[in-house]
Amino acid sequence: GTSEWRFVLESESVEVALARRRQLGDLVGESSQMREIFAMIERVAPRD
Protein backbone atom coordinates (compact mmCIF):
# COMPACT_ATOMS: atom_id res chain seq x y z
CA GLY A 1 0.00 0.00 0.00
CA THR A 2 1.59 3.28 1.07
CA SER A 3 3.65 1.71 3.89
CA GLU A 4 7.34 1.59 2.91
CA TRP A 5 9.85 -0.92 4.25
CA ARG A 6 13.51 -1.54 3.42
CA PHE A 7 14.44 -5.21 2.96
CA VAL A 8 17.94 -6.08 4.19
CA LEU A 9 19.77 -9.41 4.29
CA GLU A 10 21.85 -10.12 7.40
CA SER A 11 25.20 -11.94 7.44
CA GLU A 12 23.94 -14.77 9.69
CA SER A 13 22.45 -17.81 7.98
CA VAL A 14 19.54 -20.00 9.04
CA GLU A 15 18.85 -23.61 8.07
CA VAL A 16 15.48 -25.34 7.95
CA ALA A 17 14.55 -28.83 6.83
CA LEU A 18 11.69 -29.89 4.54
CA ALA A 19 10.54 -33.49 4.85
CA ARG A 20 10.18 -35.46 1.64
CA ARG A 21 7.07 -37.19 2.96
CA ARG A 22 3.57 -35.82 2.25
CA GLN A 23 1.89 -37.31 5.31
CA LEU A 24 2.81 -37.80 8.95
CA GLY A 25 0.25 -39.65 11.01
CA ASP A 26 -3.07 -38.02 10.11
CA LEU A 27 -1.40 -34.76 9.06
CA VAL A 28 -1.53 -34.39 5.28
CA GLY A 29 0.10 -31.76 3.12
CA GLU A 30 2.30 -31.22 0.08
CA SER A 31 3.02 -27.54 0.76
CA SER A 32 6.43 -26.40 1.91
CA GLN A 33 4.83 -25.19 5.17
CA MET A 34 3.58 -28.67 6.08
CA ARG A 35 6.77 -30.41 4.94
CA GLU A 36 8.70 -28.06 7.22
CA ILE A 37 6.40 -28.99 10.11
CA PHE A 38 6.81 -32.72 9.34
CA ALA A 39 10.60 -32.35 9.47
CA MET A 40 10.40 -30.38 12.71
CA ILE A 41 8.18 -33.01 14.35
CA GLU A 42 10.49 -35.84 13.27
CA ARG A 43 13.48 -33.95 14.67
CA VAL A 44 11.94 -32.98 18.03
CA ALA A 45 9.81 -36.08 18.76
CA PRO A 46 12.64 -38.31 20.10
CA ARG A 47 13.54 -35.64 22.67
CA ASP A 48 11.36 -34.93 25.70
ModelCIF file with pLDDT and N, C-alpha, C, O atoms, coordinates in Angstrom:
data_MODEL
#
_entry.id   MODEL 
#
_entity.id                         1 
_entity.type                       polymer 
_entity.pdbx_number_of_molecules   1 
#
_entity_poly.entity_id                      1 
_entity_poly.type                           'polypeptide(L)' 
_entity_poly.nstd_linkage                   no 
_entity_poly.nstd_monomer                   no 
_entity_poly.pdbx_seq_one_letter_code       GTSEWRFVLESESVEVALARRRQLGDLVGESSQMREIFAMIERVAPRD 
_entity_poly.pdbx_seq_one_letter_code_can   GTSEWRFVLESESVEVALARRRQLGDLVGESSQMREIFAMIERVAPRD 
_entity_poly.pdbx_strand_id                 A 
#
loop_
_entity_poly_seq.entity_id 
_entity_poly_seq.num 
_entity_poly_seq.mon_id 
_entity_poly_seq.hetero 
1 1  GLY n 
1 2  THR n 
1 3  SER n 
1 4  GLU n 
1 5  TRP n 
1 6  ARG n 
1 7  PHE n 
1 8  VAL n 
1 9  LEU n 
1 10 GLU n 
1 11 SER n 
1 12 GLU n 
1 13 SER n 
1 14 VAL n 
1 15 GLU n 
1 16 VAL n 
1 17 ALA n 
1 18 LEU n 
1 19 ALA n 
1 20 ARG n 
1 21 ARG n 
1 22 ARG n 
1 23 GLN n 
1 24 LEU n 
1 25 GLY n 
1 26 ASP n 
1 27 LEU n 
1 28 VAL n 
1 29 GLY n 
1 30 GLU n 
1 31 SER n 
1 32 SER n 
1 33 GLN n 
1 34 MET n 
1 35 ARG n 
1 36 GLU n 
1 37 ILE n 
1 38 PHE n 
1 39 ALA n 
1 40 MET n 
1 41 ILE n 
1 42 GLU n 
1 43 ARG n 
1 44 VAL n 
1 45 ALA n 
1 46 PRO n 
1 47 ARG n 
1 48 ASP n 
#
_struct_asym.id          A 
_struct_asym.entity_id   1 
#
loop_
_ma_qa_metric.id 
_ma_qa_metric.mode 
_ma_qa_metric.name 
_ma_qa_metric.software_group_id 
_ma_qa_metric.type 
1 global pLDDT . pLDDT 
2 local  pLDDT . pLDDT 
#
_ma_qa_metric_global.metric_id      1 
_ma_qa_metric_global.metric_value   94.44 
_ma_qa_metric_global.model_id       1 
_ma_qa_metric_global.ordinal_id     1 
#
loop_
_ma_qa_metric_local.label_asym_id 
_ma_qa_metric_local.label_comp_id 
_ma_qa_metric_local.label_seq_id 
_ma_qa_metric_local.metric_id 
_ma_qa_metric_local.metric_value 
_ma_qa_metric_local.model_id 
_ma_qa_metric_local.ordinal_id 
A GLY 1  2 96.00 1 1  
A THR 2  2 96.00 1 2  
A SER 3  2 96.00 1 3  
A GLU 4  2 97.00 1 4  
A TRP 5  2 98.00 1 5  
A ARG 6  2 98.00 1 6  
A PHE 7  2 98.00 1 7  
A VAL 8  2 97.00 1 8  
A LEU 9  2 97.00 1 9  
A GLU 10 2 95.00 1 10 
A SER 11 2 94.00 1 11 
A GLU 12 2 94.00 1 12 
A SER 13 2 94.00 1 13 
A VAL 14 2 93.00 1 14 
A GLU 15 2 92.00 1 15 
A VAL 16 2 92.00 1 16 
A ALA 17 2 92.00 1 17 
A LEU 18 2 93.00 1 18 
A ALA 19 2 94.00 1 19 
A ARG 20 2 91.00 1 20 
A ARG 21 2 92.00 1 21 
A ARG 22 2 92.00 1 22 
A GLN 23 2 94.00 1 23 
A LEU 24 2 95.00 1 24 
A GLY 25 2 93.00 1 25 
A ASP 26 2 93.00 1 26 
A LEU 27 2 96.00 1 27 
A VAL 28 2 96.00 1 28 
A GLY 29 2 95.00 1 29 
A GLU 30 2 93.00 1 30 
A SER 31 2 93.00 1 31 
A SER 32 2 91.00 1 32 
A GLN 33 2 93.00 1 33 
A MET 34 2 96.00 1 34 
A ARG 35 2 95.00 1 35 
A GLU 36 2 95.00 1 36 
A ILE 37 2 96.00 1 37 
A PHE 38 2 97.00 1 38 
A ALA 39 2 95.00 1 39 
A MET 40 2 95.00 1 40 
A ILE 41 2 96.00 1 41 
A GLU 42 2 95.00 1 42 
A ARG 43 2 93.00 1 43 
A VAL 44 2 94.00 1 44 
A ALA 45 2 95.00 1 45 
A PRO 46 2 94.00 1 46 
A ARG 47 2 92.00 1 47 
A ASP 48 2 92.00 1 48 
#
loop_
_atom_site.group_PDB 
_atom_site.id 
_atom_site.type_symbol 
_atom_site.label_atom_id 
_atom_site.label_alt_id 
_atom_site.label_comp_id 
_atom_site.label_asym_id 
_atom_site.label_entity_id 
_atom_site.label_seq_id 
_atom_site.pdbx_PDB_ins_code 
_atom_site.Cartn_x 
_atom_site.Cartn_y 
_atom_site.Cartn_z 
_atom_site.occupancy 
_atom_site.B_iso_or_equiv 
_atom_site.pdbx_formal_charge 
_atom_site.auth_seq_id 
_atom_site.auth_comp_id 
_atom_site.auth_asym_id 
_atom_site.auth_atom_id 
_atom_site.pdbx_PDB_model_num 
ATOM 1   N N  . GLY A 1 1  ? 0.859  -1.180  0.000  1.00 96.00 ? 1  GLY A N  1 
ATOM 2   C CA . GLY A 1 1  ? 0.000  0.000   0.000  1.00 96.00 ? 1  GLY A CA 1 
ATOM 3   C C  . GLY A 1 1  ? 0.895  1.229   0.000  1.00 96.00 ? 1  GLY A C  1 
ATOM 4   O O  . GLY A 1 1  ? 1.745  1.375   -0.879 1.00 96.00 ? 1  GLY A O  1 
ATOM 5   N N  . THR A 1 2  ? 0.716  2.109   0.971  1.00 96.00 ? 2  THR A N  1 
ATOM 6   C CA . THR A 1 2  ? 1.591  3.283   1.072  1.00 96.00 ? 2  THR A CA 1 
ATOM 7   C C  . THR A 1 2  ? 2.640  3.120   2.171  1.00 96.00 ? 2  THR A C  1 
ATOM 8   O O  . THR A 1 2  ? 3.410  4.046   2.428  1.00 96.00 ? 2  THR A O  1 
ATOM 9   N N  . SER A 1 3  ? 2.679  1.959   2.821  1.00 96.00 ? 3  SER A N  1 
ATOM 10  C CA . SER A 1 3  ? 3.650  1.708   3.886  1.00 96.00 ? 3  SER A CA 1 
ATOM 11  C C  . SER A 1 3  ? 4.956  1.209   3.279  1.00 96.00 ? 3  SER A C  1 
ATOM 12  O O  . SER A 1 3  ? 4.967  0.190   2.589  1.00 96.00 ? 3  SER A O  1 
ATOM 13  N N  . GLU A 1 4  ? 6.051  1.912   3.525  1.00 97.00 ? 4  GLU A N  1 
ATOM 14  C CA . GLU A 1 4  ? 7.336  1.588   2.910  1.00 97.00 ? 4  GLU A CA 1 
ATOM 15  C C  . GLU A 1 4  ? 8.274  0.904   3.909  1.00 97.00 ? 4  GLU A C  1 
ATOM 16  O O  . GLU A 1 4  ? 8.395  1.318   5.062  1.00 97.00 ? 4  GLU A O  1 
ATOM 17  N N  . TRP A 1 5  ? 8.930  -0.152  3.432  1.00 98.00 ? 5  TRP A N  1 
ATOM 18  C CA . TRP A 1 5  ? 9.848  -0.922  4.253  1.00 98.00 ? 5  TRP A CA 1 
ATOM 19  C C  . TRP A 1 5  ? 11.098 -1.259  3.448  1.00 98.00 ? 5  TRP A C  1 
ATOM 20  O O  . TRP A 1 5  ? 11.007 -1.597  2.267  1.00 98.00 ? 5  TRP A O  1 
ATOM 21  N N  . ARG A 1 6  ? 12.252 -1.168  4.075  1.00 98.00 ? 6  ARG A N  1 
ATOM 22  C CA . ARG A 1 6  ? 13.507 -1.539  3.421  1.00 98.00 ? 6  ARG A CA 1 
ATOM 23  C C  . ARG A 1 6  ? 13.845 -2.977  3.788  1.00 98.00 ? 6  ARG A C  1 
ATOM 24  O O  . ARG A 1 6  ? 13.863 -3.341  4.964  1.00 98.00 ? 6  ARG A O  1 
ATOM 25  N N  . PHE A 1 7  ? 14.115 -3.796  2.766  1.00 98.00 ? 7  PHE A N  1 
ATOM 26  C CA . PHE A 1 7  ? 14.439 -5.207  2.959  1.00 98.00 ? 7  PHE A CA 1 
ATOM 27  C C  . PHE A 1 7  ? 15.954 -5.356  2.971  1.00 98.00 ? 7  PHE A C  1 
ATOM 28  O O  . PHE A 1 7  ? 16.631 -4.943  2.031  1.00 98.00 ? 7  PHE A O  1 
ATOM 29  N N  . VAL A 1 8  ? 16.485 -5.950  4.042  1.00 97.00 ? 8  VAL A N  1 
ATOM 30  C CA . VAL A 1 8  ? 17.938 -6.076  4.192  1.00 97.00 ? 8  VAL A CA 1 
ATOM 31  C C  . VAL A 1 8  ? 18.290 -7.499  4.614  1.00 97.00 ? 8  VAL A C  1 
ATOM 32  O O  . VAL A 1 8  ? 17.701 -8.046  5.546  1.00 97.00 ? 8  VAL A O  1 
ATOM 33  N N  . LEU A 1 9  ? 19.260 -8.092  3.915  1.00 97.00 ? 9  LEU A N  1 
ATOM 34  C CA . LEU A 1 9  ? 19.769 -9.407  4.295  1.00 97.00 ? 9  LEU A CA 1 
ATOM 35  C C  . LEU A 1 9  ? 20.866 -9.249  5.335  1.00 97.00 ? 9  LEU A C  1 
ATOM 36  O O  . LEU A 1 9  ? 21.729 -8.378  5.222  1.00 97.00 ? 9  LEU A O  1 
ATOM 37  N N  . GLU A 1 10 ? 20.819 -10.118 6.365  1.00 95.00 ? 10 GLU A N  1 
ATOM 38  C CA . GLU A 1 10 ? 21.851 -10.122 7.395  1.00 95.00 ? 10 GLU A CA 1 
ATOM 39  C C  . GLU A 1 10 ? 22.966 -11.086 7.001  1.00 95.00 ? 10 GLU A C  1 
ATOM 40  O O  . GLU A 1 10 ? 22.829 -11.847 6.043  1.00 95.00 ? 10 GLU A O  1 
ATOM 41  N N  . SER A 1 11 ? 24.071 -11.046 7.747  1.00 94.00 ? 11 SER A N  1 
ATOM 42  C CA . SER A 1 11 ? 25.198 -11.936 7.439  1.00 94.00 ? 11 SER A CA 1 
ATOM 43  C C  . SER A 1 11 ? 24.974 -13.339 7.991  1.00 94.00 ? 11 SER A C  1 
ATOM 44  O O  . SER A 1 11 ? 25.505 -14.309 7.450  1.00 94.00 ? 11 SER A O  1 
ATOM 45  N N  . GLU A 1 12 ? 24.173 -13.457 9.090  1.00 94.00 ? 12 GLU A N  1 
ATOM 46  C CA . GLU A 1 12 ? 23.940 -14.771 9.693  1.00 94.00 ? 12 GLU A CA 1 
ATOM 47  C C  . GLU A 1 12 ? 23.030 -15.617 8.812  1.00 94.00 ? 12 GLU A C  1 
ATOM 48  O O  . GLU A 1 12 ? 22.110 -15.099 8.181  1.00 94.00 ? 12 GLU A O  1 
ATOM 49  N N  . SER A 1 13 ? 23.288 -16.910 8.772  1.00 94.00 ? 13 SER A N  1 
ATOM 50  C CA . SER A 1 13 ? 22.452 -17.809 7.984  1.00 94.00 ? 13 SER A CA 1 
ATOM 51  C C  . SER A 1 13 ? 21.586 -18.671 8.892  1.00 94.00 ? 13 SER A C  1 
ATOM 52  O O  . SER A 1 13 ? 21.899 -18.878 10.065 1.00 94.00 ? 13 SER A O  1 
ATOM 53  N N  . VAL A 1 14 ? 20.507 -19.160 8.335  1.00 93.00 ? 14 VAL A N  1 
ATOM 54  C CA . VAL A 1 14 ? 19.543 -20.000 9.039  1.00 93.00 ? 14 VAL A CA 1 
ATOM 55  C C  . VAL A 1 14 ? 19.308 -21.244 8.188  1.00 93.00 ? 14 VAL A C  1 
ATOM 56  O O  . VAL A 1 14 ? 19.293 -21.160 6.959  1.00 93.00 ? 14 VAL A O  1 
ATOM 57  N N  . GLU A 1 15 ? 19.128 -22.378 8.819  1.00 92.00 ? 15 GLU A N  1 
ATOM 58  C CA . GLU A 1 15 ? 18.852 -23.610 8.073  1.00 92.00 ? 15 GLU A CA 1 
ATOM 59  C C  . GLU A 1 15 ? 17.551 -24.229 8.556  1.00 92.00 ? 15 GLU A C  1 
ATOM 60  O O  . GLU A 1 15 ? 17.332 -24.366 9.760  1.00 92.00 ? 15 GLU A O  1 
ATOM 61  N N  . VAL A 1 16 ? 16.698 -24.601 7.627  1.00 92.00 ? 16 VAL A N  1 
ATOM 62  C CA . VAL A 1 16 ? 15.479 -25.338 7.954  1.00 92.00 ? 16 VAL A CA 1 
ATOM 63  C C  . VAL A 1 16 ? 15.441 -26.596 7.105  1.00 92.00 ? 16 VAL A C  1 
ATOM 64  O O  . VAL A 1 16 ? 16.095 -26.685 6.066  1.00 92.00 ? 16 VAL A O  1 
ATOM 65  N N  . ALA A 1 17 ? 14.671 -27.558 7.561  1.00 92.00 ? 17 ALA A N  1 
ATOM 66  C CA . ALA A 1 17 ? 14.549 -28.827 6.834  1.00 92.00 ? 17 ALA A CA 1 
ATOM 67  C C  . ALA A 1 17 ? 13.123 -28.991 6.326  1.00 92.00 ? 17 ALA A C  1 
ATOM 68  O O  . ALA A 1 17 ? 12.166 -28.623 7.008  1.00 92.00 ? 17 ALA A O  1 
ATOM 69  N N  . LEU A 1 18 ? 12.988 -29.544 5.129  1.00 93.00 ? 18 LEU A N  1 
ATOM 70  C CA . LEU A 1 18 ? 11.691 -29.886 4.538  1.00 93.00 ? 18 LEU A CA 1 
ATOM 71  C C  . LEU A 1 18 ? 11.637 -31.390 4.351  1.00 93.00 ? 18 LEU A C  1 
ATOM 72  O O  . LEU A 1 18 ? 12.456 -31.959 3.630  1.00 93.00 ? 18 LEU A O  1 
ATOM 73  N N  . ALA A 1 19 ? 10.679 -32.037 4.994  1.00 94.00 ? 19 ALA A N  1 
ATOM 74  C CA . ALA A 1 19 ? 10.536 -33.485 4.854  1.00 94.00 ? 19 ALA A CA 1 
ATOM 75  C C  . ALA A 1 19 ? 10.156 -33.839 3.421  1.00 94.00 ? 19 ALA A C  1 
ATOM 76  O O  . ALA A 1 19 ? 9.505  -33.053 2.733  1.00 94.00 ? 19 ALA A O  1 
ATOM 77  N N  . ARG A 1 20 ? 10.562 -35.012 2.978  1.00 91.00 ? 20 ARG A N  1 
ATOM 78  C CA . ARG A 1 20 ? 10.183 -35.464 1.640  1.00 91.00 ? 20 ARG A CA 1 
ATOM 79  C C  . ARG A 1 20 ? 8.814  -36.139 1.645  1.00 91.00 ? 20 ARG A C  1 
ATOM 80  O O  . ARG A 1 20 ? 8.178  -36.301 0.603  1.00 91.00 ? 20 ARG A O  1 
ATOM 81  N N  . ARG A 1 21 ? 8.373  -36.531 2.848  1.00 92.00 ? 21 ARG A N  1 
ATOM 82  C CA . ARG A 1 21 ? 7.073  -37.189 2.963  1.00 92.00 ? 21 ARG A CA 1 
ATOM 83  C C  . ARG A 1 21 ? 5.953  -36.171 2.794  1.00 92.00 ? 21 ARG A C  1 
ATOM 84  O O  . ARG A 1 21 ? 6.157  -34.975 3.000  1.00 92.00 ? 21 ARG A O  1 
ATOM 85  N N  . ARG A 1 22 ? 4.757  -36.652 2.415  1.00 92.00 ? 22 ARG A N  1 
ATOM 86  C CA . ARG A 1 22 ? 3.570  -35.821 2.248  1.00 92.00 ? 22 ARG A CA 1 
ATOM 87  C C  . ARG A 1 22 ? 2.521  -36.118 3.303  1.00 92.00 ? 22 ARG A C  1 
ATOM 88  O O  . ARG A 1 22 ? 1.434  -35.542 3.263  1.00 92.00 ? 22 ARG A O  1 
ATOM 89  N N  . GLN A 1 23 ? 2.817  -37.001 4.246  1.00 94.00 ? 23 GLN A N  1 
ATOM 90  C CA . GLN A 1 23 ? 1.885  -37.315 5.313  1.00 94.00 ? 23 GLN A CA 1 
ATOM 91  C C  . GLN A 1 23 ? 2.662  -37.787 6.527  1.00 94.00 ? 23 GLN A C  1 
ATOM 92  O O  . GLN A 1 23 ? 3.641  -38.524 6.404  1.00 94.00 ? 23 GLN A O  1 
ATOM 93  N N  . LEU A 1 24 ? 2.222  -37.358 7.696  1.00 95.00 ? 24 LEU A N  1 
ATOM 94  C CA . LEU A 1 24 ? 2.814  -37.795 8.952  1.00 95.00 ? 24 LEU A CA 1 
ATOM 95  C C  . LEU A 1 24 ? 1.670  -38.054 9.916  1.00 95.00 ? 24 LEU A C  1 
ATOM 96  O O  . LEU A 1 24 ? 1.009  -37.116 10.362 1.00 95.00 ? 24 LEU A O  1 
ATOM 97  N N  . GLY A 1 25 ? 1.430  -39.320 10.241 1.00 93.00 ? 25 GLY A N  1 
ATOM 98  C CA . GLY A 1 25 ? 0.247  -39.654 11.011 1.00 93.00 ? 25 GLY A CA 1 
ATOM 99  C C  . GLY A 1 25 ? -0.985 -39.276 10.217 1.00 93.00 ? 25 GLY A C  1 
ATOM 100 O O  . GLY A 1 25 ? -1.127 -39.689 9.066  1.00 93.00 ? 25 GLY A O  1 
ATOM 101 N N  . ASP A 1 26 ? -1.883 -38.496 10.812 1.00 93.00 ? 26 ASP A N  1 
ATOM 102 C CA . ASP A 1 26 ? -3.069 -38.018 10.108 1.00 93.00 ? 26 ASP A CA 1 
ATOM 103 C C  . ASP A 1 26 ? -2.901 -36.610 9.572  1.00 93.00 ? 26 ASP A C  1 
ATOM 104 O O  . ASP A 1 26 ? -3.856 -36.018 9.068  1.00 93.00 ? 26 ASP A O  1 
ATOM 105 N N  . LEU A 1 27 ? -1.686 -36.062 9.674  1.00 96.00 ? 27 LEU A N  1 
ATOM 106 C CA . LEU A 1 27 ? -1.398 -34.764 9.062  1.00 96.00 ? 27 LEU A CA 1 
ATOM 107 C C  . LEU A 1 27 ? -1.053 -34.983 7.594  1.00 96.00 ? 27 LEU A C  1 
ATOM 108 O O  . LEU A 1 27 ? -0.199 -35.806 7.264  1.00 96.00 ? 27 LEU A O  1 
ATOM 109 N N  . VAL A 1 28 ? -1.725 -34.236 6.714  1.00 96.00 ? 28 VAL A N  1 
ATOM 110 C CA . VAL A 1 28 ? -1.530 -34.389 5.278  1.00 96.00 ? 28 VAL A CA 1 
ATOM 111 C C  . VAL A 1 28 ? -1.194 -33.039 4.676  1.00 96.00 ? 28 VAL A C  1 
ATOM 112 O O  . VAL A 1 28 ? -1.821 -32.035 5.012  1.00 96.00 ? 28 VAL A O  1 
ATOM 113 N N  . GLY A 1 29 ? -0.214 -33.007 3.790  1.00 95.00 ? 29 GLY A N  1 
ATOM 114 C CA . GLY A 1 29 ? 0.097  -31.757 3.116  1.00 95.00 ? 29 GLY A CA 1 
ATOM 115 C C  . GLY A 1 29 ? 1.296  -31.875 2.197  1.00 95.00 ? 29 GLY A C  1 
ATOM 116 O O  . GLY A 1 29 ? 2.289  -32.517 2.539  1.00 95.00 ? 29 GLY A O  1 
ATOM 117 N N  . GLU A 1 30 ? 1.204  -31.254 1.030  1.00 93.00 ? 30 GLU A N  1 
ATOM 118 C CA . GLU A 1 30 ? 2.303  -31.220 0.083  1.00 93.00 ? 30 GLU A CA 1 
ATOM 119 C C  . GLU A 1 30 ? 2.999  -29.862 0.064  1.00 93.00 ? 30 GLU A C  1 
ATOM 120 O O  . GLU A 1 30 ? 4.037  -29.710 -0.580 1.00 93.00 ? 30 GLU A O  1 
ATOM 121 N N  . SER A 1 31 ? 2.444  -28.882 0.760  1.00 93.00 ? 31 SER A N  1 
ATOM 122 C CA . SER A 1 31 ? 3.016  -27.537 0.762  1.00 93.00 ? 31 SER A CA 1 
ATOM 123 C C  . SER A 1 31 ? 4.330  -27.526 1.520  1.00 93.00 ? 31 SER A C  1 
ATOM 124 O O  . SER A 1 31 ? 4.594  -28.391 2.356  1.00 93.00 ? 31 SER A O  1 
ATOM 125 N N  . SER A 1 32 ? 5.153  -26.524 1.209  1.00 91.00 ? 32 SER A N  1 
ATOM 126 C CA . SER A 1 32 ? 6.426  -26.403 1.911  1.00 91.00 ? 32 SER A CA 1 
ATOM 127 C C  . SER A 1 32 ? 6.207  -26.144 3.397  1.00 91.00 ? 32 SER A C  1 
ATOM 128 O O  . SER A 1 32 ? 7.014  -26.566 4.225  1.00 91.00 ? 32 SER A O  1 
ATOM 129 N N  . GLN A 1 33 ? 5.101  -25.440 3.748  1.00 93.00 ? 33 GLN A N  1 
ATOM 130 C CA . GLN A 1 33 ? 4.827  -25.190 5.171  1.00 93.00 ? 33 GLN A CA 1 
ATOM 131 C C  . GLN A 1 33 ? 4.647  -26.492 5.933  1.00 93.00 ? 33 GLN A C  1 
ATOM 132 O O  . GLN A 1 33 ? 5.220  -26.668 7.009  1.00 93.00 ? 33 GLN A O  1 
ATOM 133 N N  . MET A 1 34 ? 3.846  -27.415 5.379  1.00 96.00 ? 34 MET A N  1 
ATOM 134 C CA . MET A 1 34 ? 3.583  -28.674 6.079  1.00 96.00 ? 34 MET A CA 1 
ATOM 135 C C  . MET A 1 34 ? 4.807  -29.577 6.067  1.00 96.00 ? 34 MET A C  1 
ATOM 136 O O  . MET A 1 34 ? 5.066  -30.272 7.050  1.00 96.00 ? 34 MET A O  1 
ATOM 137 N N  . ARG A 1 35 ? 5.557  -29.581 4.985  1.00 95.00 ? 35 ARG A N  1 
ATOM 138 C CA . ARG A 1 35 ? 6.768  -30.408 4.937  1.00 95.00 ? 35 ARG A CA 1 
ATOM 139 C C  . ARG A 1 35 ? 7.798  -29.910 5.944  1.00 95.00 ? 35 ARG A C  1 
ATOM 140 O O  . ARG A 1 35 ? 8.571  -30.700 6.485  1.00 95.00 ? 35 ARG A O  1 
ATOM 141 N N  . GLU A 1 36 ? 7.810  -28.606 6.195  1.00 95.00 ? 36 GLU A N  1 
ATOM 142 C CA . GLU A 1 36 ? 8.704  -28.057 7.219  1.00 95.00 ? 36 GLU A CA 1 
ATOM 143 C C  . GLU A 1 36 ? 8.252  -28.508 8.602  1.00 95.00 ? 36 GLU A C  1 
ATOM 144 O O  . GLU A 1 36 ? 9.078  -28.830 9.456  1.00 95.00 ? 36 GLU A O  1 
ATOM 145 N N  . ILE A 1 37 ? 6.929  -28.530 8.824  1.00 96.00 ? 37 ILE A N  1 
ATOM 146 C CA . ILE A 1 37 ? 6.403  -28.993 10.106 1.00 96.00 ? 37 ILE A CA 1 
ATOM 147 C C  . ILE A 1 37 ? 6.688  -30.476 10.304 1.00 96.00 ? 37 ILE A C  1 
ATOM 148 O O  . ILE A 1 37 ? 7.057  -30.894 11.401 1.00 96.00 ? 37 ILE A O  1 
ATOM 149 N N  . PHE A 1 38 ? 6.517  -31.284 9.241  1.00 97.00 ? 38 PHE A N  1 
ATOM 150 C CA . PHE A 1 38 ? 6.811  -32.715 9.342  1.00 97.00 ? 38 PHE A CA 1 
ATOM 151 C C  . PHE A 1 38 ? 8.269  -32.929 9.779  1.00 97.00 ? 38 PHE A C  1 
ATOM 152 O O  . PHE A 1 38 ? 8.553  -33.731 10.668 1.00 97.00 ? 38 PHE A O  1 
ATOM 153 N N  . ALA A 1 39 ? 9.178  -32.199 9.138  1.00 95.00 ? 39 ALA A N  1 
ATOM 154 C CA . ALA A 1 39 ? 10.601 -32.349 9.473  1.00 95.00 ? 39 ALA A CA 1 
ATOM 155 C C  . ALA A 1 39 ? 10.872 -31.923 10.907 1.00 95.00 ? 39 ALA A C  1 
ATOM 156 O O  . ALA A 1 39 ? 11.672 -32.547 11.605 1.00 95.00 ? 39 ALA A O  1 
ATOM 157 N N  . MET A 1 40 ? 10.207 -30.863 11.346 1.00 95.00 ? 40 MET A N  1 
ATOM 158 C CA . MET A 1 40 ? 10.399 -30.377 12.711 1.00 95.00 ? 40 MET A CA 1 
ATOM 159 C C  . MET A 1 40 ? 9.899  -31.400 13.725 1.00 95.00 ? 40 MET A C  1 
ATOM 160 O O  . MET A 1 40 ? 10.548 -31.649 14.741 1.00 95.00 ? 40 MET A O  1 
ATOM 161 N N  . ILE A 1 41 ? 8.732  -31.994 13.437 1.00 96.00 ? 41 ILE A N  1 
ATOM 162 C CA . ILE A 1 41 ? 8.180  -33.008 14.349 1.00 96.00 ? 41 ILE A CA 1 
ATOM 163 C C  . ILE A 1 41 ? 9.106  -34.217 14.431 1.00 96.00 ? 41 ILE A C  1 
ATOM 164 O O  . ILE A 1 41 ? 9.370  -34.729 15.519 1.00 96.00 ? 41 ILE A O  1 
ATOM 165 N N  . GLU A 1 42 ? 9.595  -34.668 13.284 1.00 95.00 ? 42 GLU A N  1 
ATOM 166 C CA . GLU A 1 42 ? 10.487 -35.838 13.275 1.00 95.00 ? 42 GLU A CA 1 
ATOM 167 C C  . GLU A 1 42 ? 11.774 -35.551 14.039 1.00 95.00 ? 42 GLU A C  1 
ATOM 168 O O  . GLU A 1 42 ? 12.344 -36.445 14.664 1.00 95.00 ? 42 GLU A O  1 
ATOM 169 N N  . ARG A 1 43 ? 12.230 -34.300 13.986 1.00 93.00 ? 43 ARG A N  1 
ATOM 170 C CA . ARG A 1 43 ? 13.475 -33.948 14.670 1.00 93.00 ? 43 ARG A CA 1 
ATOM 171 C C  . ARG A 1 43 ? 13.283 -33.824 16.181 1.00 93.00 ? 43 ARG A C  1 
ATOM 172 O O  . ARG A 1 43 ? 14.152 -34.229 16.953 1.00 93.00 ? 43 ARG A O  1 
ATOM 173 N N  . VAL A 1 44 ? 12.138 -33.261 16.606 1.00 94.00 ? 44 VAL A N  1 
ATOM 174 C CA . VAL A 1 44 ? 11.944 -32.985 18.034 1.00 94.00 ? 44 VAL A CA 1 
ATOM 175 C C  . VAL A 1 44 ? 11.307 -34.145 18.788 1.00 94.00 ? 44 VAL A C  1 
ATOM 176 O O  . VAL A 1 44 ? 11.470 -34.249 20.003 1.00 94.00 ? 44 VAL A O  1 
ATOM 177 N N  . ALA A 1 45 ? 10.579 -35.024 18.087 1.00 95.00 ? 45 ALA A N  1 
ATOM 178 C CA . ALA A 1 45 ? 9.810  -36.077 18.760 1.00 95.00 ? 45 ALA A CA 1 
ATOM 179 C C  . ALA A 1 45 ? 10.660 -36.976 19.658 1.00 95.00 ? 45 ALA A C  1 
ATOM 180 O O  . ALA A 1 45 ? 10.223 -37.294 20.764 1.00 95.00 ? 45 ALA A O  1 
ATOM 181 N N  . PRO A 1 46 ? 11.859 -37.404 19.234 1.00 94.00 ? 46 PRO A N  1 
ATOM 182 C CA . PRO A 1 46 ? 12.637 -38.308 20.096 1.00 94.00 ? 46 PRO A CA 1 
ATOM 183 C C  . PRO A 1 46 ? 13.117 -37.664 21.393 1.00 94.00 ? 46 PRO A C  1 
ATOM 184 O O  . PRO A 1 46 ? 13.503 -38.369 22.325 1.00 94.00 ? 46 PRO A O  1 
ATOM 185 N N  . ARG A 1 47 ? 13.097 -36.342 21.465 1.00 92.00 ? 47 ARG A N  1 
ATOM 186 C CA . ARG A 1 47 ? 13.542 -35.643 22.674 1.00 92.00 ? 47 ARG A CA 1 
ATOM 187 C C  . ARG A 1 47 ? 12.314 -35.266 23.514 1.00 92.00 ? 47 ARG A C  1 
ATOM 188 O O  . ARG A 1 47 ? 11.228 -35.055 22.974 1.00 92.00 ? 47 ARG A O  1 
ATOM 189 N N  . ASP A 1 48 ? 12.495 -35.185 24.816 1.00 92.00 ? 48 ASP A N  1 
ATOM 190 C CA . ASP A 1 48 ? 11.364 -34.934 25.701 1.00 92.00 ? 48 ASP A CA 1 
ATOM 191 C C  . ASP A 1 48 ? 11.110 -33.445 25.929 1.00 92.00 ? 48 ASP A C  1 
ATOM 192 O O  . ASP A 1 48 ? 10.186 -33.081 26.656 1.00 92.00 ? 48 ASP A O  1 
#
